[in-house]
Protein backbone atom coordinates (compact mmCIF):
# COMPACT_ATOMS: atom_id res chain seq x y z
CA MET A 1 0.00 0.00 0.00
CA LYS A 2 1.31 3.40 -0.87
CA THR A 3 0.05 4.75 2.45
CA PHE A 4 2.54 2.65 4.36
CA SER A 5 5.51 2.92 2.00
CA ALA A 6 6.71 6.26 3.37
CA MET A 7 6.50 5.15 7.01
CA SER A 8 9.50 4.02 9.02
CA ILE A 9 9.59 0.43 10.32
CA PRO A 10 8.98 1.55 13.95
CA ASP A 11 5.97 3.58 12.80
CA LYS A 12 4.65 0.62 10.82
CA ARG A 13 4.97 -1.63 13.87
CA LEU A 14 3.25 0.94 16.09
CA THR A 15 0.45 1.32 13.55
CA MET A 16 0.08 -2.46 13.35
CA GLN A 17 -0.14 -2.71 17.16
CA ALA A 18 -2.79 0.01 17.23
CA TYR A 19 -4.77 -1.77 14.51
CA GLU A 20 -4.55 -5.05 16.44
CA GLN A 21 -5.87 -3.40 19.61
CA LEU A 22 -8.70 -1.70 17.76
CA SER A 23 -9.48 -4.96 15.99
CA LEU A 24 -9.85 -6.68 19.35
CA VAL A 25 -12.30 -3.98 20.46
CA PHE A 26 -14.34 -4.37 17.28
CA ARG A 27 -14.33 -8.17 17.55
CA THR A 28 -15.43 -8.00 21.18
CA LEU A 29 -18.25 -5.59 20.37
CA ALA A 30 -19.37 -7.74 17.44
CA ASP A 31 -19.18 -11.08 19.24
CA GLU A 32 -20.18 -10.45 22.84
CA PRO A 33 -23.83 -10.74 23.77
CA THR A 34 -25.01 -7.14 24.15
CA GLU A 35 -28.09 -5.12 23.40
CA LEU A 36 -26.46 -3.54 20.36
CA PRO A 37 -28.56 -3.77 17.20
CA ILE A 38 -27.45 -6.46 14.75
CA GLU A 39 -26.64 -3.77 12.16
CA VAL A 40 -24.14 -2.20 14.54
CA LYS A 41 -22.57 -5.57 15.32
CA GLU A 42 -22.27 -6.30 11.60
CA LYS A 43 -20.58 -2.94 11.08
CA PHE A 44 -18.04 -3.76 13.81
CA ALA A 45 -17.40 -7.14 12.20
CA LEU A 46 -16.77 -5.48 8.82
CA GLN A 47 -14.45 -2.93 10.40
CA ASP A 48 -12.55 -5.75 12.09
CA LYS A 49 -12.20 -7.55 8.75
CA ARG A 50 -10.84 -4.39 7.12
CA LEU A 51 -8.37 -3.88 9.96
CA GLN A 52 -7.18 -7.46 9.53
CA GLN A 53 -6.49 -6.70 5.87
CA LEU A 54 -4.53 -3.59 6.82
CA ILE A 55 -2.56 -5.56 9.42
CA GLU A 56 -1.68 -8.14 6.77
CA ALA A 57 -0.58 -5.38 4.39
CA LEU A 58 1.63 -3.89 7.08
CA GLU A 59 3.15 -7.29 7.91
CA THR A 60 3.93 -7.87 4.24
CA ASP A 61 5.40 -4.40 3.92
CA ILE A 62 7.59 -4.85 6.99
CA LEU A 63 8.87 -8.22 5.76
CA SER A 64 9.75 -6.75 2.36
CA ASP A 65 11.89 -3.97 3.88
């Protein structure tokens, strides 16, 4: 991804850690039994999926450096 190409390795790792933490929050909100509407839970699940894709892109980018 061009967005990550200009970042330093430490910044990429920090970004990846932040994405992983946010992903955990989204997964928890999507999976835990709560009174949230199903539409909201589905949105959190989609956001988690997108974050997982970004994490994978960062991992690939870090390995290629």
